[in-house]
Amino acid sequence: EARDAVDEARMQVAKLIGAGENEIVFTSGATESDNLAIKGVFEQLRDKGNHIITCSTEHKAVLYTCKHLEKKGASVTYLPVDKHGRIRLDELESAITTKTILIAIMMVNTETGVMQPIKEIASIAHKHNILFFTDATQAIGKIPVNVQEYGIDLMAFTAHKFYGPKGVGALYVRRKPEVVKIIAQMDGGGHEKGYRSGTLNVPGIVGLGKACELCRQEMDKEAQRLKPLRDRLEQRLLEIPGIHLNGSPEHRLF
């Protein structure tokens, strides 16, 4: 029964993001997923190259992981953002070298809600035969995200950002049209296709799956409820002298 419940949850998660069920790896949350994706790619492809491109406004789970890898021989470019909190695509492409193996740019910023041009970033990455990873923690469950349409190779997210339980998350690892291979960061019984050993958090996974199912059903209605609240709060705050908006007024979460 526990196995069936986990299988059902895996299907619910996959449906929310347009993935295959065998492309979902359950983790303890987005921080672990970030670590598994970035470290896993670096260790898998270090014979090919050691260069990673990320952004200066990423979550610490990404920034500190990159700092850790620098001690192990990685070369990391931290792209700045413009006045609207978005990276410049020309600067991204200029930063690419023959040693670049991964581009890691978050989908929605944790503090400002600014959305990065994910499809364009993925297109640039694939044009140069580079893997693209995104931390989508603040996007999943709030806006429609289809990993196939966006061209995402790896994607991290966590349950408690969309009313699921704390302590559980997932990593999407693409298998079609070509399998993305990463090195596991936890050794043990070979759980989760060998990507993440350790006894599964069955109650948490079931809660994650149910939250994903509810998001599929109610995401649009929830966005319509939240946007006027956001606008009202912003309007009242901007009436206070000295207050200004950080980030893009256009490219942002509701």
Protein backbone atom coordinates (compact mmCIF):
# COMPACT_ATOMS: atom_id res chain seq x y z
CA GLU A 1 0.00 0.00 0.00
CA ALA A 2 2.86 2.36 0.80
CA ARG A 3 4.50 1.61 -2.55
CA ASP A 4 1.22 2.25 -4.38
CA ALA A 5 0.81 5.55 -2.53
CA VAL A 6 4.31 6.66 -3.57
CA ASP A 7 3.64 5.62 -7.18
CA GLU A 8 0.42 7.65 -7.16
CA ALA A 9 2.24 10.68 -5.77
CA ARG A 10 4.97 10.37 -8.39
CA MET A 11 2.30 10.44 -11.09
CA GLN A 12 0.64 13.50 -9.53
CA VAL A 13 3.94 15.39 -9.39
CA ALA A 14 4.84 14.44 -12.95
CA LYS A 15 1.46 15.58 -14.29
CA LEU A 16 1.83 19.02 -12.71
CA ILE A 17 5.09 19.75 -14.55
CA GLY A 18 4.56 17.80 -17.78
CA ALA A 19 7.17 15.17 -16.96
CA GLY A 20 7.32 11.40 -17.06
CA GLU A 21 6.88 9.52 -13.79
CA ASN A 22 10.36 8.01 -14.14
CA GLU A 23 11.83 11.54 -14.28
CA ILE A 24 10.85 12.42 -10.69
CA VAL A 25 13.33 11.92 -7.84
CA PHE A 26 11.96 12.49 -4.34
CA THR A 27 14.22 14.41 -1.93
CA SER A 28 13.98 16.17 1.44
CA GLY A 29 13.34 19.52 -0.24
CA ALA A 30 14.64 22.05 -2.74
CA THR A 31 17.97 22.53 -0.95
CA GLU A 32 18.83 18.87 -1.36
CA SER A 33 17.52 18.91 -4.92
CA ASP A 34 19.75 21.90 -5.73
CA ASN A 35 22.77 20.13 -4.27
CA LEU A 36 22.02 16.87 -6.06
CA ALA A 37 21.55 18.57 -9.43
CA ILE A 38 24.57 20.87 -9.39
CA LYS A 39 27.05 18.57 -7.65
CA GLY A 40 25.70 15.58 -9.57
CA VAL A 41 26.24 17.23 -12.95
CA PHE A 42 29.68 18.56 -11.99
CA GLU A 43 30.91 15.14 -10.91
CA GLN A 44 29.36 13.43 -13.92
CA LEU A 45 30.81 15.83 -16.49
CA ARG A 46 34.03 17.06 -14.91
CA ASP A 47 36.08 15.23 -17.54
CA LYS A 48 34.26 17.31 -20.16
CA GLY A 49 34.52 20.64 -18.37
CA ASN A 50 34.43 22.41 -15.01
CA HIS A 51 32.63 25.67 -15.78
CA ILE A 52 29.23 26.53 -14.28
CA ILE A 53 27.22 29.69 -14.97
CA THR A 54 24.74 30.94 -12.40
CA CYS A 55 23.31 34.24 -11.16
CA SER A 56 24.29 36.50 -8.26
CA THR A 57 20.70 36.59 -6.94
CA GLU A 58 20.21 32.83 -6.66
CA HIS A 59 19.10 31.17 -3.43
CA LYS A 60 21.93 30.27 -1.05
CA ALA A 61 21.31 26.59 -1.75
CA VAL A 62 22.65 27.27 -5.25
CA LEU A 63 25.25 29.92 -4.41
CA TYR A 64 26.82 28.00 -1.53
CA THR A 65 26.81 24.79 -3.55
CA CYS A 66 28.73 26.57 -6.30
CA LYS A 67 31.15 28.03 -3.74
CA HIS A 68 31.72 24.51 -2.42
CA LEU A 69 32.46 23.21 -5.89
CA GLU A 70 34.94 26.00 -6.51
CA LYS A 71 37.04 24.44 -3.75
CA LYS A 72 36.93 21.20 -5.74
CA GLY A 73 38.14 22.72 -8.99
CA ALA A 74 35.00 24.23 -10.47
CA SER A 75 35.09 27.57 -12.27
CA VAL A 76 31.88 29.51 -11.63
CA THR A 77 30.57 32.66 -13.33
CA TYR A 78 28.08 34.65 -11.25
CA LEU A 79 26.07 36.78 -13.68
CA PRO A 80 24.81 40.17 -12.43
CA VAL A 81 21.22 41.29 -12.93
CA ASP A 82 19.86 44.48 -14.44
CA LYS A 83 17.78 47.07 -12.57
CA HIS A 84 14.75 44.83 -12.98
CA GLY A 85 16.46 41.82 -11.42
CA ARG A 86 16.86 39.85 -14.66
CA ILE A 87 20.00 38.53 -16.28
CA ARG A 88 21.02 39.78 -19.71
CA LEU A 89 20.94 37.06 -22.32
CA ASP A 90 23.86 38.53 -24.24
CA GLU A 91 26.00 38.42 -21.07
CA LEU A 92 24.94 34.81 -20.50
CA GLU A 93 26.00 33.76 -23.97
CA SER A 94 29.26 35.71 -23.72
CA ALA A 95 30.10 33.87 -20.50
CA ILE A 96 29.92 30.44 -22.16
CA THR A 97 33.25 28.70 -22.78
CA THR A 98 34.28 25.33 -24.18
CA LYS A 99 34.43 24.11 -20.57
CA THR A 100 30.87 25.14 -19.63
CA ILE A 101 28.83 22.12 -18.52
CA LEU A 102 25.89 23.66 -16.65
CA ILE A 103 23.77 26.82 -16.56
CA ALA A 104 21.86 27.20 -13.28
CA ILE A 105 19.33 30.06 -13.21
CA MET A 106 16.31 30.15 -10.90
CA MET A 107 12.85 30.52 -12.41
CA VAL A 108 11.36 32.99 -9.89
CA ASN A 109 13.38 34.96 -7.35
CA THR A 110 12.66 34.19 -3.71
CA GLU A 111 12.55 37.81 -2.51
CA THR A 112 11.38 39.88 -5.47
CA GLY A 113 9.22 37.43 -7.42
CA VAL A 114 11.07 38.41 -10.61
CA MET A 115 10.80 35.78 -13.35
CA GLN A 116 13.82 34.99 -15.50
CA PRO A 117 13.47 34.29 -19.27
CA ILE A 118 13.69 30.54 -18.78
CA LYS A 119 12.80 29.43 -22.32
CA GLU A 120 15.40 31.72 -23.83
CA ILE A 121 18.04 30.61 -21.33
CA ALA A 122 17.32 26.95 -22.06
CA SER A 123 17.55 27.62 -25.79
CA ILE A 124 20.98 29.22 -25.40
CA ALA A 125 22.17 26.35 -23.23
CA HIS A 126 21.09 23.70 -25.69
CA LYS A 127 22.52 25.60 -28.65
CA HIS A 128 25.90 25.15 -27.00
CA ASN A 129 25.22 21.57 -25.83
CA ILE A 130 25.07 22.62 -22.16
CA LEU A 131 22.69 21.30 -19.50
CA PHE A 132 20.18 23.73 -18.00
CA PHE A 133 19.06 23.51 -14.36
CA THR A 134 16.50 25.75 -12.69
CA ASP A 135 15.44 26.12 -9.08
CA ALA A 136 11.69 26.49 -9.54
CA THR A 137 10.80 26.51 -5.85
CA GLN A 138 8.83 29.76 -6.04
CA ALA A 139 7.15 28.93 -9.35
CA ILE A 140 5.76 25.40 -9.05
CA GLY A 141 2.16 25.39 -7.91
CA LYS A 142 1.76 29.10 -8.61
CA ILE A 143 2.20 29.34 -12.39
CA PRO A 144 1.95 26.67 -15.12
CA VAL A 145 5.36 25.06 -15.72
CA ASN A 146 5.89 22.42 -18.40
CA VAL A 147 9.44 21.11 -18.46
CA GLN A 148 9.14 20.01 -22.07
CA GLU A 149 7.90 23.36 -23.34
CA TYR A 150 10.50 25.25 -21.30
CA GLY A 151 13.37 23.01 -22.36
CA ILE A 152 14.47 22.24 -18.80
CA ASP A 153 16.96 19.44 -18.12
CA LEU A 154 16.87 19.48 -14.32
CA MET A 155 14.47 21.29 -11.98
CA ALA A 156 14.21 21.52 -8.19
CA PHE A 157 11.16 22.33 -6.08
CA THR A 158 9.70 21.72 -2.64
CA ALA A 159 6.24 20.94 -1.24
CA HIS A 160 5.76 23.56 1.46
CA LYS A 161 5.81 26.44 -1.05
CA PHE A 162 2.42 25.32 -2.36
CA TYR A 163 0.66 24.11 0.78
CA GLY A 164 2.32 20.70 0.94
CA PRO A 165 4.20 19.35 3.98
CA LYS A 166 7.67 20.52 5.00
CA GLY A 167 10.67 18.24 4.60
CA VAL A 168 9.87 16.81 1.17
CA GLY A 169 10.62 17.94 -2.36
CA ALA A 170 11.62 16.65 -5.75
CA LEU A 171 14.16 16.91 -8.52
CA TYR A 172 13.13 16.52 -12.13
CA VAL A 173 15.84 14.77 -14.16
CA ARG A 174 15.15 14.62 -17.90
CA ARG A 175 15.16 11.21 -19.58
CA LYS A 176 13.76 12.11 -23.03
CA PRO A 177 14.86 12.64 -25.73
CA GLU A 178 18.21 11.90 -24.05
CA VAL A 179 18.90 10.77 -20.49
CA VAL A 180 20.56 13.32 -18.23
CA LYS A 181 23.07 11.52 -16.01
CA ILE A 182 24.11 12.77 -12.59
CA ILE A 183 26.21 11.31 -9.79
CA ALA A 184 24.32 10.48 -6.60
CA GLN A 185 25.33 12.41 -3.48
CA MET A 186 24.03 9.84 -0.98
CA ASP A 187 25.12 6.21 -1.09
CA GLY A 188 23.09 3.36 0.29
CA GLY A 189 20.32 1.11 -0.87
CA GLY A 190 19.95 2.62 -4.33
CA HIS A 191 16.54 4.19 -3.79
CA GLU A 192 15.06 6.55 -6.40
CA LYS A 193 16.80 4.87 -9.33
CA GLY A 194 20.09 5.18 -7.49
CA TYR A 195 19.96 8.98 -7.45
CA ARG A 196 18.96 9.38 -3.79
CA SER A 197 19.43 6.52 -1.34
CA GLY A 198 17.51 6.50 1.93
CA THR A 199 14.15 5.27 3.18
CA LEU A 200 11.40 7.21 1.45
CA ASN A 201 9.39 9.76 3.45
CA VAL A 202 6.09 8.15 2.47
CA PRO A 203 3.70 10.51 4.33
CA GLY A 204 5.57 13.55 3.03
CA ILE A 205 5.64 12.22 -0.53
CA VAL A 206 1.91 11.51 -0.42
CA GLY A 207 1.32 15.06 0.81
CA LEU A 208 3.51 16.45 -1.98
CA GLY A 209 1.55 14.47 -4.54
CA LYS A 210 -1.81 15.63 -3.21
CA ALA A 211 -0.65 19.25 -3.15
CA CYS A 212 0.40 18.91 -6.81
CA GLU A 213 -3.00 17.47 -7.71
CA LEU A 214 -4.80 20.35 -5.99
CA CYS A 215 -2.56 22.89 -7.71
CA ARG A 216 -3.49 21.47 -11.11
CA GLN A 217 -7.13 21.97 -10.24
CA GLU A 218 -6.99 25.35 -8.46
CA MET A 219 -3.87 27.17 -9.69
CA ASP A 220 -5.67 29.57 -11.99
CA LYS A 221 -8.34 30.43 -9.44
CA GLU A 222 -5.72 30.92 -6.72
CA ALA A 223 -3.73 33.30 -8.95
CA GLN A 224 -6.86 35.36 -9.56
CA ARG A 225 -7.38 35.57 -5.79
CA LEU A 226 -3.80 36.54 -4.95
CA LYS A 227 -3.06 39.11 -7.66
CA PRO A 228 -5.54 41.76 -6.40
CA LEU A 229 -4.19 41.28 -2.88
CA ARG A 230 -0.63 41.79 -4.14
CA ASP A 231 -1.66 44.90 -6.08
CA ARG A 232 -3.53 46.39 -3.11
CA LEU A 233 -0.62 45.84 -0.74
CA GLU A 234 1.85 47.27 -3.24
CA GLN A 235 -0.27 50.33 -3.94
CA ARG A 236 -0.62 51.16 -0.25
CA LEU A 237 3.08 50.62 0.45
CA LEU A 238 4.15 52.82 -2.46
CA GLU A 239 2.19 55.68 -0.88
CA ILE A 240 4.80 55.74 1.90
CA PRO A 241 7.66 58.18 1.16
CA GLY A 242 10.93 56.41 0.41
CA ILE A 243 9.31 53.12 -0.63
CA HIS A 244 10.11 51.78 -4.10
CA LEU A 245 9.60 48.53 -5.97
CA ASN A 246 12.58 46.18 -6.27
CA GLY A 247 12.47 44.15 -9.46
CA SER A 248 10.48 44.11 -12.64
CA PRO A 249 6.91 45.44 -12.61
CA GLU A 250 6.23 43.29 -15.67
CA HIS A 251 8.19 40.03 -15.41
CA ARG A 252 7.18 38.83 -11.99
CA LEU A 253 4.93 36.47 -10.11
CA PHE A 254 1.43 37.69 -9.35
